[in-house]
Amino acid sequence: MMIPAILDSPLSVAFGSATDLGKRRDNNEDSSRCGLLAIGTSRESTLLVVSDGVGGSKAGEVASKLAVDCIHSLLAERLEAAAPPIDRRGWLDGAIRETDHRIRVAAEQPGLAGMGATLSVLWLAGREAWWGQAGDSRIYLWRRGELRQLSHDQSPVGRLRANGQLNEEQARAHPYRHLIDQCLGGAGAAIEPETGKFPLEPGDIFLLCSDGLSDGLWDRDLAEGLKLAAAGQSPAEVASILVARANEASGRDNITAVVARAAGTYASSSTEDHPPEPEGSPVMRLLRQFGWRRKTTNDTGTP
């Protein structure tokens, strides 16, 4: 019988970010924001956000900056006013929709018509994580030596790849790879954000990035970079390394990366910290039903 390990404290999160214009742009339409909410309280949590302005106009940088700032302020205000629910996806969904609304209102000003932005947001609290997504910026998780994309590209090509109809090479060469059908603001219909939830583990490494990074580097390159964070290099240094590598490999677009690492320990299973259960206890009777036996000093078998 396998008994799951238990974390002995909430996980702490270290994070850092980097950005670059790239080689072909005159202005940076990417924005990111990383910080703590409800600092010093039982509601303290980490919020990481990346946004990429849509449309190639200078208003894109206004939209992306508004996106990251709105998400932070809305969730900070909610935490100040009330204790969060066990599942925070509803709060995150509401904050994304409200941010979409505020960008659309701001776009009514002269010179800002049609401005929009992608959004990738990761909210870490205690031993849980929640994510939200609009567009094709991305959230990756590196866990136990494997890289996987947490967010889903809200784009025709992204869905084809997620459904297994395109591999990474085909998706990167597709003529419609830069077409998205969801963003905050813009001239289309109101946003339908995606959200998700999962448990954190010690050693989890996260990457949030604009498409300037994910287009410039293959998944295997991202994995190699995140290995550095797993090996102890600071998240800020790893973010800078990834951005520099993407700029060298491509540089066609603005490039932004946010890297975070969750740190913590599992509760010790030593008998010094946890006295053994008595032989006749309900726990021991249950374990013996599954073939478990206590190891003695002369016993080299596996319990």
C-alpha atoms as a PDB file:
ATOM      1  CA  MET A   1       0.000   0.000   0.000  1.00  0.00           C
ATOM      2  CA  MET A   2       1.403   3.404  -0.940  1.00  0.00           C
ATOM      3  CA  ILE A   3       0.749   6.158   1.586  1.00  0.00           C
ATOM      4  CA  PRO A   4       1.055   9.640   0.004  1.00  0.00           C
ATOM      5  CA  ALA A   5       3.700  11.961   1.415  1.00  0.00           C
ATOM      6  CA  ILE A   6       2.424  14.995   3.273  1.00  0.00           C
ATOM      7  CA  LEU A   7       3.844  18.490   3.005  1.00  0.00           C
ATOM      8  CA  ASP A   8       4.796  19.834   6.405  1.00  0.00           C
ATOM      9  CA  SER A   9       4.299  23.520   5.450  1.00  0.00           C
ATOM     10  CA  PRO A  10       2.919  25.696   2.642  1.00  0.00           C
ATOM     11  CA  LEU A  11       5.251  26.013  -0.313  1.00  0.00           C
ATOM     12  CA  SER A  12       7.277  29.166  -0.793  1.00  0.00           C
ATOM     13  CA  VAL A  13       7.738  30.576  -4.288  1.00  0.00           C
ATOM     14  CA  ALA A  14      10.769  32.321  -5.780  1.00  0.00           C
ATOM     15  CA  PHE A  15      10.251  34.127  -9.086  1.00  0.00           C
ATOM     16  CA  GLY A  16      11.926  36.393 -11.608  1.00  0.00           C
ATOM     17  CA  SER A  17      11.293  37.820 -15.067  1.00  0.00           C
ATOM     18  CA  ALA A  18      13.026  39.149 -18.153  1.00  0.00           C
ATOM     19  CA  THR A  19      11.941  40.858 -21.365  1.00  0.00           C
ATOM     20  CA  ASP A  20      13.466  42.136 -24.605  1.00  0.00           C
ATOM     21  CA  LEU A  21      12.316  44.116 -27.633  1.00  0.00           C
ATOM     22  CA  GLY A  22      13.650  41.512 -30.015  1.00  0.00           C
ATOM     23  CA  LYS A  23      15.464  42.400 -33.219  1.00  0.00           C
ATOM     24  CA  ARG A  24      12.619  43.765 -35.352  1.00  0.00           C
ATOM     25  CA  ARG A  25      10.343  45.824 -33.075  1.00  0.00           C
ATOM     26  CA  ASP A  26      10.596  49.460 -32.069  1.00  0.00           C
ATOM     27  CA  ASN A  27       8.450  49.139 -28.957  1.00  0.00           C
ATOM     28  CA  ASN A  28       7.740  46.389 -26.455  1.00  0.00           C
ATOM     29  CA  GLU A  29       4.072  45.374 -26.320  1.00  0.00           C
ATOM     30  CA  ASP A  30       4.724  42.632 -23.753  1.00  0.00           C
ATOM     31  CA  SER A  31       3.988  43.214 -20.074  1.00  0.00           C
ATOM     32  CA  SER A  32       4.507  41.074 -16.998  1.00  0.00           C
ATOM     33  CA  ARG A  33       3.884  41.465 -13.307  1.00  0.00           C
ATOM     34  CA  CYS A  34       4.970  39.195 -10.456  1.00  0.00           C
ATOM     35  CA  GLY A  35       4.221  39.810  -6.817  1.00  0.00           C
ATOM     36  CA  LEU A  36       2.689  38.800  -3.518  1.00  0.00           C
ATOM     37  CA  LEU A  37      -0.901  39.484  -2.527  1.00  0.00           C
ATOM     38  CA  ALA A  38      -2.143  39.942   1.073  1.00  0.00           C
ATOM     39  CA  ILE A  39       1.428  40.026   2.362  1.00  0.00           C
ATOM     40  CA  GLY A  40       1.889  38.952   5.966  1.00  0.00           C
ATOM     41  CA  THR A  41      -1.580  37.448   6.332  1.00  0.00           C
ATOM     42  CA  SER A  42      -2.967  33.919   6.161  1.00  0.00           C
ATOM     43  CA  ARG A  43      -4.178  34.825   2.657  1.00  0.00           C
ATOM     44  CA  GLU A  44      -0.696  35.578   1.298  1.00  0.00           C
ATOM     45  CA  SER A  45      -0.244  34.223  -2.208  1.00  0.00           C
ATOM     46  CA  THR A  46       1.844  34.687  -5.348  1.00  0.00           C
ATOM     47  CA  LEU A  47       0.412  36.051  -8.593  1.00  0.00           C
ATOM     48  CA  LEU A  48       2.333  35.793 -11.875  1.00  0.00           C
ATOM     49  CA  VAL A  49       1.030  37.376 -15.083  1.00  0.00           C
ATOM     50  CA  VAL A  50       2.228  37.743 -18.680  1.00  0.00           C
ATOM     51  CA  SER A  51       0.386  39.672 -21.381  1.00  0.00           C
ATOM     52  CA  ASP A  52       1.174  40.417 -25.026  1.00  0.00           C
ATOM     53  CA  GLY A  53      -0.403  43.347 -26.852  1.00  0.00           C
ATOM     54  CA  VAL A  54      -2.447  42.363 -29.883  1.00  0.00           C
ATOM     55  CA  GLY A  55      -2.585  44.063 -33.245  1.00  0.00           C
ATOM     56  CA  GLY A  56       0.931  45.410 -33.708  1.00  0.00           C
ATOM     57  CA  SER A  57      -0.054  48.986 -32.866  1.00  0.00           C
ATOM     58  CA  LYS A  58       1.359  51.093 -30.063  1.00  0.00           C
ATOM     59  CA  ALA A  59      -1.946  50.684 -28.237  1.00  0.00           C
ATOM     60  CA  GLY A  60      -0.964  47.060 -27.677  1.00  0.00           C
ATOM     61  CA  GLU A  61       1.492  48.045 -24.968  1.00  0.00           C
ATOM     62  CA  VAL A  62      -1.262  50.049 -23.260  1.00  0.00           C
ATOM     63  CA  ALA A  63      -3.583  47.028 -23.327  1.00  0.00           C
ATOM     64  CA  SER A  64      -1.003  44.578 -21.990  1.00  0.00           C
ATOM     65  CA  LYS A  65       0.038  46.906 -19.169  1.00  0.00           C
ATOM     66  CA  LEU A  66      -3.602  47.463 -18.257  1.00  0.00           C
ATOM     67  CA  ALA A  67      -4.178  43.687 -18.286  1.00  0.00           C
ATOM     68  CA  VAL A  68      -1.430  42.769 -15.814  1.00  0.00           C
ATOM     69  CA  ASP A  69      -2.202  45.702 -13.506  1.00  0.00           C
ATOM     70  CA  CYS A  70      -5.966  45.066 -13.485  1.00  0.00           C
ATOM     71  CA  ILE A  71      -5.623  41.384 -12.634  1.00  0.00           C
ATOM     72  CA  HIS A  72      -3.342  42.185  -9.706  1.00  0.00           C
ATOM     73  CA  SER A  73      -5.494  44.976  -8.335  1.00  0.00           C
ATOM     74  CA  LEU A  74      -8.783  43.074  -8.700  1.00  0.00           C
ATOM     75  CA  LEU A  75      -7.539  39.961  -6.910  1.00  0.00           C
ATOM     76  CA  ALA A  76      -5.759  41.990  -4.238  1.00  0.00           C
ATOM     77  CA  GLU A  77      -8.997  43.869  -3.530  1.00  0.00           C
ATOM     78  CA  ARG A  78     -10.987  40.643  -3.271  1.00  0.00           C
ATOM     79  CA  LEU A  79      -8.472  39.111  -0.862  1.00  0.00           C
ATOM     80  CA  GLU A  80      -8.641  42.216   1.283  1.00  0.00           C
ATOM     81  CA  ALA A  81     -12.435  42.118   1.390  1.00  0.00           C
ATOM     82  CA  ALA A  82     -13.074  38.400   1.923  1.00  0.00           C
ATOM     83  CA  ALA A  83     -11.498  34.999   2.491  1.00  0.00           C
ATOM     84  CA  PRO A  84     -11.065  33.142  -0.800  1.00  0.00           C
ATOM     85  CA  PRO A  85     -13.066  30.004  -1.608  1.00  0.00           C
ATOM     86  CA  ILE A  86     -11.343  26.625  -1.618  1.00  0.00           C
ATOM     87  CA  ASP A  87     -11.453  26.648  -5.414  1.00  0.00           C
ATOM     88  CA  ARG A  88     -10.431  30.090  -6.669  1.00  0.00           C
ATOM     89  CA  ARG A  89     -11.245  29.513 -10.332  1.00  0.00           C
ATOM     90  CA  GLY A  90     -14.442  31.531 -10.001  1.00  0.00           C
ATOM     91  CA  TRP A  91     -12.533  34.521  -8.648  1.00  0.00           C
ATOM     92  CA  LEU A  92      -9.949  34.204 -11.407  1.00  0.00           C
ATOM     93  CA  ASP A  93     -12.576  33.888 -14.142  1.00  0.00           C
ATOM     94  CA  GLY A  94     -14.389  36.957 -12.826  1.00  0.00           C
ATOM     95  CA  ALA A  95     -11.176  39.003 -12.645  1.00  0.00           C
ATOM     96  CA  ILE A  96     -10.278  38.115 -16.243  1.00  0.00           C
ATOM     97  CA  ARG A  97     -13.741  39.082 -17.491  1.00  0.00           C
ATOM     98  CA  GLU A  98     -13.637  42.371 -15.582  1.00  0.00           C
ATOM     99  CA  THR A  99     -10.180  43.111 -17.014  1.00  0.00           C
ATOM    100  CA  ASP A 100     -11.552  42.434 -20.504  1.00  0.00           C
ATOM    101  CA  HIS A 101     -14.350  44.929 -19.818  1.00  0.00           C
ATOM    102  CA  ARG A 102     -11.972  47.617 -18.550  1.00  0.00           C
ATOM    103  CA  ILE A 103      -9.738  47.290 -21.602  1.00  0.00           C
ATOM    104  CA  ARG A 104     -12.762  47.663 -23.889  1.00  0.00           C
ATOM    105  CA  VAL A 105     -13.853  50.786 -22.017  1.00  0.00           C
ATOM    106  CA  ALA A 106     -10.328  52.231 -22.229  1.00  0.00           C
ATOM    107  CA  ALA A 107     -10.274  51.464 -25.970  1.00  0.00           C
ATOM    108  CA  GLU A 108     -13.007  54.058 -26.462  1.00  0.00           C
ATOM    109  CA  GLN A 109     -10.386  56.776 -25.978  1.00  0.00           C
ATOM    110  CA  PRO A 110      -8.839  58.370 -29.094  1.00  0.00           C
ATOM    111  CA  GLY A 111      -5.915  56.393 -30.465  1.00  0.00           C
ATOM    112  CA  LEU A 112      -6.733  53.211 -28.521  1.00  0.00           C
ATOM    113  CA  ALA A 113      -9.569  51.789 -30.631  1.00  0.00           C
ATOM    114  CA  GLY A 114      -9.423  48.016 -31.029  1.00  0.00           C
ATOM    115  CA  MET A 115      -6.533  47.486 -28.623  1.00  0.00           C
ATOM    116  CA  GLY A 116      -6.278  44.030 -27.098  1.00  0.00           C
ATOM    117  CA  ALA A 117      -3.964  41.697 -25.232  1.00  0.00           C
ATOM    118  CA  THR A 118      -3.369  38.034 -24.475  1.00  0.00           C
ATOM    119  CA  LEU A 119      -3.219  36.902 -20.869  1.00  0.00           C
ATOM    120  CA  SER A 120      -1.588  34.065 -18.941  1.00  0.00           C
ATOM    121  CA  VAL A 121      -1.998  34.170 -15.167  1.00  0.00           C
ATOM    122  CA  LEU A 122      -0.813  31.759 -12.463  1.00  0.00           C
ATOM    123  CA  TRP A 123      -1.987  32.104  -8.847  1.00  0.00           C
ATOM    124  CA  LEU A 124      -0.137  30.086  -6.189  1.00  0.00           C
ATOM    125  CA  ALA A 125      -1.333  29.795  -2.596  1.00  0.00           C
ATOM    126  CA  GLY A 126      -0.309  27.291   0.062  1.00  0.00           C
ATOM    127  CA  ARG A 127      -0.153  23.982  -1.763  1.00  0.00           C
ATOM    128  CA  GLU A 128      -2.523  24.781  -4.618  1.00  0.00           C
ATOM    129  CA  ALA A 129      -2.289  26.540  -7.984  1.00  0.00           C
ATOM    130  CA  TRP A 130      -4.858  28.087 -10.318  1.00  0.00           C
ATOM    131  CA  TRP A 131      -4.289  29.323 -13.859  1.00  0.00           C
ATOM    132  CA  GLY A 132      -6.199  31.444 -16.344  1.00  0.00           C
ATOM    133  CA  GLN A 133      -5.712  31.944 -20.067  1.00  0.00           C
ATOM    134  CA  ALA A 134      -6.769  34.114 -22.994  1.00  0.00           C
ATOM    135  CA  GLY A 135      -4.934  33.974 -26.324  1.00  0.00           C
ATOM    136  CA  ASP A 136      -1.620  32.285 -27.098  1.00  0.00           C
ATOM    137  CA  SER A 137       0.804  33.386 -24.418  1.00  0.00           C
ATOM    138  CA  ARG A 138       1.603  30.256 -22.407  1.00  0.00           C
ATOM    139  CA  ILE A 139       2.103  28.615 -19.015  1.00  0.00           C
ATOM    140  CA  TYR A 140       4.443  25.626 -18.728  1.00  0.00           C
ATOM    141  CA  LEU A 141       5.124  23.281 -15.816  1.00  0.00           C
ATOM    142  CA  TRP A 142       8.407  21.431 -15.294  1.00  0.00           C
ATOM    143  CA  ARG A 143       7.797  18.579 -12.834  1.00  0.00           C
ATOM    144  CA  ARG A 144       9.992  15.565 -12.093  1.00  0.00           C
ATOM    145  CA  GLY A 145      12.012  15.956 -15.272  1.00  0.00           C
ATOM    146  CA  GLU A 146       9.092  16.474 -17.649  1.00  0.00           C
ATOM    147  CA  LEU A 147       7.800  19.620 -19.363  1.00  0.00           C
ATOM    148  CA  ARG A 148       4.137  20.100 -20.162  1.00  0.00           C
ATOM    149  CA  GLN A 149       2.052  23.034 -21.282  1.00  0.00           C
ATOM    150  CA  LEU A 150      -0.611  23.853 -18.685  1.00  0.00           C
ATOM    151  CA  SER A 151      -2.488  26.497 -20.657  1.00  0.00           C
ATOM    152  CA  HIS A 152      -4.219  25.914 -23.967  1.00  0.00           C
ATOM    153  CA  ASP A 153      -3.573  28.186 -26.923  1.00  0.00           C
ATOM    154  CA  GLN A 154      -6.881  29.806 -27.804  1.00  0.00           C
ATOM    155  CA  SER A 155      -6.231  29.597 -31.507  1.00  0.00           C
ATOM    156  CA  PRO A 156      -7.152  27.302 -34.414  1.00  0.00           C
ATOM    157  CA  VAL A 157      -3.607  25.947 -34.709  1.00  0.00           C
ATOM    158  CA  GLY A 158      -3.305  25.529 -30.944  1.00  0.00           C
ATOM    159  CA  ARG A 159      -6.418  23.364 -30.866  1.00  0.00           C
ATOM    160  CA  LEU A 160      -5.190  21.263 -33.777  1.00  0.00           C
ATOM    161  CA  ARG A 161      -1.970  20.573 -31.904  1.00  0.00           C
ATOM    162  CA  ALA A 162      -3.766  19.876 -28.613  1.00  0.00           C
ATOM    163  CA  ASN A 163      -5.993  17.346 -30.428  1.00  0.00           C
ATOM    164  CA  GLY A 164      -2.975  15.582 -31.895  1.00  0.00           C
ATOM    165  CA  GLN A 165      -3.695  16.684 -35.466  1.00  0.00           C
ATOM    166  CA  LEU A 166      -0.437  18.656 -35.704  1.00  0.00           C
ATOM    167  CA  ASN A 167       2.932  18.016 -34.100  1.00  0.00           C
ATOM    168  CA  GLU A 168       5.151  20.804 -32.811  1.00  0.00           C
ATOM    169  CA  GLU A 169       7.074  21.150 -36.076  1.00  0.00           C
ATOM    170  CA  GLN A 170       3.895  21.333 -38.166  1.00  0.00           C
ATOM    171  CA  ALA A 171       2.276  23.839 -35.804  1.00  0.00           C
ATOM    172  CA  ARG A 172       5.309  26.123 -35.927  1.00  0.00           C
ATOM    173  CA  ALA A 173       5.228  26.151 -39.742  1.00  0.00           C
ATOM    174  CA  HIS A 174       1.465  26.542 -40.145  1.00  0.00           C
ATOM    175  CA  PRO A 175       0.451  29.665 -42.138  1.00  0.00           C
ATOM    176  CA  TYR A 176      -2.184  30.585 -39.510  1.00  0.00           C
ATOM    177  CA  ARG A 177      -0.004  29.978 -36.456  1.00  0.00           C
ATOM    178  CA  HIS A 178      -0.297  33.605 -35.272  1.00  0.00           C
ATOM    179  CA  LEU A 179      -4.090  33.773 -35.571  1.00  0.00           C
ATOM    180  CA  ILE A 180      -5.924  33.795 -32.210  1.00  0.00           C
ATOM    181  CA  ASP A 181      -9.657  33.833 -31.532  1.00  0.00           C
ATOM    182  CA  GLN A 182      -9.634  35.008 -27.908  1.00  0.00           C
ATOM    183  CA  CYS A 183      -8.044  38.049 -26.301  1.00  0.00           C
ATOM    184  CA  LEU A 184      -8.804  40.743 -23.764  1.00  0.00           C
ATOM    185  CA  GLY A 185     -10.305  43.765 -25.507  1.00  0.00           C
ATOM    186  CA  GLY A 186      -9.990  43.798 -29.257  1.00  0.00           C
ATOM    187  CA  ALA A 187     -12.908  44.190 -31.624  1.00  0.00           C
ATOM    188  CA  GLY A 188     -14.365  40.718 -31.181  1.00  0.00           C
ATOM    189  CA  ALA A 189     -16.876  39.166 -28.769  1.00  0.00           C
ATOM    190  CA  ALA A 190     -16.394  39.300 -24.999  1.00  0.00           C
ATOM    191  CA  ILE A 191     -13.777  36.944 -23.613  1.00  0.00           C
ATOM    192  CA  GLU A 192     -14.442  33.324 -22.658  1.00  0.00           C
ATOM    193  CA  PRO A 193     -11.396  32.604 -20.473  1.00  0.00           C
ATOM    194  CA  GLU A 194     -10.113  29.155 -19.617  1.00  0.00           C
ATOM    195  CA  THR A 195      -9.119  28.336 -16.058  1.00  0.00           C
ATOM    196  CA  GLY A 196      -7.604  25.353 -14.296  1.00  0.00           C
ATOM    197  CA  LYS A 197      -6.535  24.072 -10.875  1.00  0.00           C
ATOM    198  CA  PHE A 198      -3.919  21.572  -9.655  1.00  0.00           C
ATOM    199  CA  PRO A 199      -1.908  20.734  -6.499  1.00  0.00           C
ATOM    200  CA  LEU A 200       1.604  22.109  -6.099  1.00  0.00           C
ATOM    201  CA  GLU A 201       4.612  19.901  -5.430  1.00  0.00           C
ATOM    202  CA  PRO A 202       8.029  20.858  -4.023  1.00  0.00           C
ATOM    203  CA  GLY A 203      10.413  21.477  -6.910  1.00  0.00           C
ATOM    204  CA  ASP A 204       7.748  22.524  -9.417  1.00  0.00           C
ATOM    205  CA  ILE A 205       9.140  25.005 -11.957  1.00  0.00           C
ATOM    206  CA  PHE A 206       6.833  27.283 -13.925  1.00  0.00           C
ATOM    207  CA  LEU A 207       7.355  29.323 -17.072  1.00  0.00           C
ATOM    208  CA  LEU A 208       4.935  31.998 -18.274  1.00  0.00           C
ATOM    209  CA  CYS A 209       5.878  33.519 -21.611  1.00  0.00           C
ATOM    210  CA  SER A 210       4.761  35.536 -24.596  1.00  0.00           C
ATOM    211  CA  ASP A 211       4.776  33.895 -28.018  1.00  0.00           C
ATOM    212  CA  GLY A 212       8.057  35.628 -28.783  1.00  0.00           C
ATOM    213  CA  LEU A 213       9.699  33.072 -26.503  1.00  0.00           C
ATOM    214  CA  SER A 214       7.673  29.984 -27.456  1.00  0.00           C
ATOM    215  CA  ASP A 215       8.041  30.765 -31.175  1.00  0.00           C
ATOM    216  CA  GLY A 216      11.761  31.357 -30.830  1.00  0.00           C
ATOM    217  CA  LEU A 217      12.547  28.203 -28.858  1.00  0.00           C
ATOM    218  CA  TRP A 218      11.386  24.607 -29.228  1.00  0.00           C
ATOM    219  CA  ASP A 219       9.847  22.809 -26.263  1.00  0.00           C
ATOM    220  CA  ARG A 220      13.089  20.890 -25.803  1.00  0.00           C
ATOM    221  CA  ASP A 221      14.943  24.209 -25.488  1.00  0.00           C
ATOM    222  CA  LEU A 222      12.492  25.424 -22.862  1.00  0.00           C
ATOM    223  CA  ALA A 223      12.976  22.173 -20.961  1.00  0.00           C
ATOM    224  CA  GLU A 224      16.748  22.583 -21.027  1.00  0.00           C
ATOM    225  CA  GLY A 225      16.402  26.098 -19.650  1.00  0.00           C
ATOM    226  CA  LEU A 226      14.073  25.069 -16.841  1.00  0.00           C
ATOM    227  CA  LYS A 227      16.486  22.322 -15.840  1.00  0.00           C
ATOM    228  CA  LEU A 228      18.782  25.135 -14.745  1.00  0.00           C
ATOM    229  CA  ALA A 229      16.142  26.376 -12.313  1.00  0.00           C
ATOM    230  CA  ALA A 230      15.622  22.835 -11.034  1.00  0.00           C
ATOM    231  CA  ALA A 231      19.367  22.614 -10.466  1.00  0.00           C
ATOM    232  CA  GLY A 232      19.331  25.734  -8.294  1.00  0.00           C
ATOM    233  CA  GLN A 233      19.912  28.650 -10.653  1.00  0.00           C
ATOM    234  CA  SER A 234      17.739  31.621  -9.720  1.00  0.00           C
ATOM    235  CA  PRO A 235      14.447  32.101 -11.590  1.00  0.00           C
ATOM    236  CA  ALA A 236      15.529  35.607 -12.672  1.00  0.00           C
ATOM    237  CA  GLU A 237      18.743  34.236 -14.199  1.00  0.00           C
ATOM    238  CA  VAL A 238      16.886  31.445 -15.988  1.00  0.00           C
ATOM    239  CA  ALA A 239      14.329  33.907 -17.374  1.00  0.00           C
ATOM    240  CA  SER A 240      17.161  36.065 -18.728  1.00  0.00           C
ATOM    241  CA  ILE A 241      18.886  33.042 -20.280  1.00  0.00           C
ATOM    242  CA  LEU A 242      15.701  31.900 -22.031  1.00  0.00           C
ATOM    243  CA  VAL A 243      14.969  35.380 -23.380  1.00  0.00           C
ATOM    244  CA  ALA A 244      18.534  35.741 -24.659  1.00  0.00           C
ATOM    245  CA  ARG A 245      18.416  32.343 -26.365  1.00  0.00           C
ATOM    246  CA  ALA A 246      15.077  33.140 -28.044  1.00  0.00           C
ATOM    247  CA  ASN A 247      16.415  36.483 -29.220  1.00  0.00           C
ATOM    248  CA  GLU A 248      19.470  34.803 -30.702  1.00  0.00           C
ATOM    249  CA  ALA A 249      17.408  32.054 -32.356  1.00  0.00           C
ATOM    250  CA  SER A 250      14.692  34.325 -33.721  1.00  0.00           C
ATOM    251  CA  GLY A 251      14.130  37.827 -32.341  1.00  0.00           C
ATOM    252  CA  ARG A 252      11.152  38.405 -34.654  1.00  0.00           C
ATOM    253  CA  ASP A 253       8.922  39.546 -31.803  1.00  0.00           C
ATOM    254  CA  ASN A 254       9.027  40.961 -28.293  1.00  0.00           C
ATOM    255  CA  ILE A 255      10.143  38.276 -25.829  1.00  0.00           C
ATOM    256  CA  THR A 256       9.049  37.912 -22.203  1.00  0.00           C
ATOM    257  CA  ALA A 257       9.570  35.137 -19.662  1.00  0.00           C
ATOM    258  CA  VAL A 258       8.534  34.719 -16.036  1.00  0.00           C
ATOM    259  CA  VAL A 259      10.078  31.781 -14.165  1.00  0.00           C
ATOM    260  CA  ALA A 260       8.994  30.580 -10.720  1.00  0.00           C
ATOM    261  CA  ARG A 261      10.112  27.746  -8.451  1.00  0.00           C
ATOM    262  CA  ALA A 262       8.088  26.216  -5.607  1.00  0.00           C
ATOM    263  CA  ALA A 263      10.139  25.159  -2.582  1.00  0.00           C
ATOM    264  CA  GLY A 264       9.159  23.112   0.452  1.00  0.00           C
ATOM    265  CA  THR A 265       9.662  19.796   2.190  1.00  0.00           C
ATOM    266  CA  TYR A 266       7.656  16.672   2.816  1.00  0.00           C
ATOM    267  CA  ALA A 267       6.966  15.670   6.390  1.00  0.00           C
ATOM    268  CA  SER A 268       9.616  13.313   7.735  1.00  0.00           C
ATOM    269  CA  SER A 269       8.606   9.679   8.008  1.00  0.00           C
ATOM    270  CA  SER A 270      11.266   8.816  10.566  1.00  0.00           C
ATOM    271  CA  THR A 271      10.132   7.195  13.815  1.00  0.00           C
ATOM    272  CA  GLU A 272      11.929   9.948  15.723  1.00  0.00           C
ATOM    273  CA  ASP A 273       9.434  12.493  14.397  1.00  0.00           C
ATOM    274  CA  HIS A 274       6.439  10.138  14.180  1.00  0.00           C
ATOM    275  CA  PRO A 275       6.199   7.420  16.868  1.00  0.00           C
ATOM    276  CA  PRO A 276       5.129   4.045  15.414  1.00  0.00           C
ATOM    277  CA  GLU A 277       1.510   3.059  15.522  1.00  0.00           C
ATOM    278  CA  PRO A 278       0.715   0.356  18.138  1.00  0.00           C
ATOM    279  CA  GLU A 279       0.423  -3.123  16.589  1.00  0.00           C
ATOM    280  CA  GLY A 280      -3.239  -3.416  17.501  1.00  0.00           C
ATOM    281  CA  SER A 281      -4.274   0.041  16.279  1.00  0.00           C
ATOM    282  CA  PRO A 282      -6.882   0.446  13.497  1.00  0.00           C
ATOM    283  CA  VAL A 283      -4.188   1.935  11.242  1.00  0.00           C
ATOM    284  CA  MET A 284      -1.931  -1.120  11.645  1.00  0.00           C
ATOM    285  CA  ARG A 285      -4.824  -3.526  11.066  1.00  0.00           C
ATOM    286  CA  LEU A 286      -5.701  -1.687   7.841  1.00  0.00           C
ATOM    287  CA  LEU A 287      -2.090  -1.697   6.627  1.00  0.00           C
ATOM    288  CA  ARG A 288      -1.716  -5.425   7.278  1.00  0.00           C
ATOM    289  CA  GLN A 289      -4.761  -6.053   5.063  1.00  0.00           C
ATOM    290  CA  PHE A 290      -2.654  -4.656   2.206  1.00  0.00           C
ATOM    291  CA  GLY A 291       0.355  -6.845   3.008  1.00  0.00           C
ATOM    292  CA  TRP A 292       2.310  -4.309   5.055  1.00  0.00           C
ATOM    293  CA  ARG A 293       4.533  -5.520   7.898  1.00  0.00           C
ATOM    294  CA  ARG A 294       6.727  -3.530  10.244  1.00  0.00           C
ATOM    295  CA  LYS A 295      10.447  -3.629   9.477  1.00  0.00           C
ATOM    296  CA  THR A 296      12.671  -4.799  12.335  1.00  0.00           C
ATOM    297  CA  THR A 297      16.394  -4.158  12.796  1.00  0.00           C
ATOM    298  CA  ASN A 298      17.154  -7.543  11.147  1.00  0.00           C
ATOM    299  CA  ASP A 299      14.592  -7.184   8.368  1.00  0.00           C
ATOM    300  CA  THR A 300      15.930  -6.055   4.985  1.00  0.00           C
ATOM    301  CA  GLY A 301      12.642  -6.455   3.119  1.00  0.00           C
ATOM    302  CA  THR A 302      10.583  -3.583   1.769  1.00  0.00           C
ATOM    303  CA  PRO A 303       7.551  -2.675   3.878  1.00  0.00           C
END
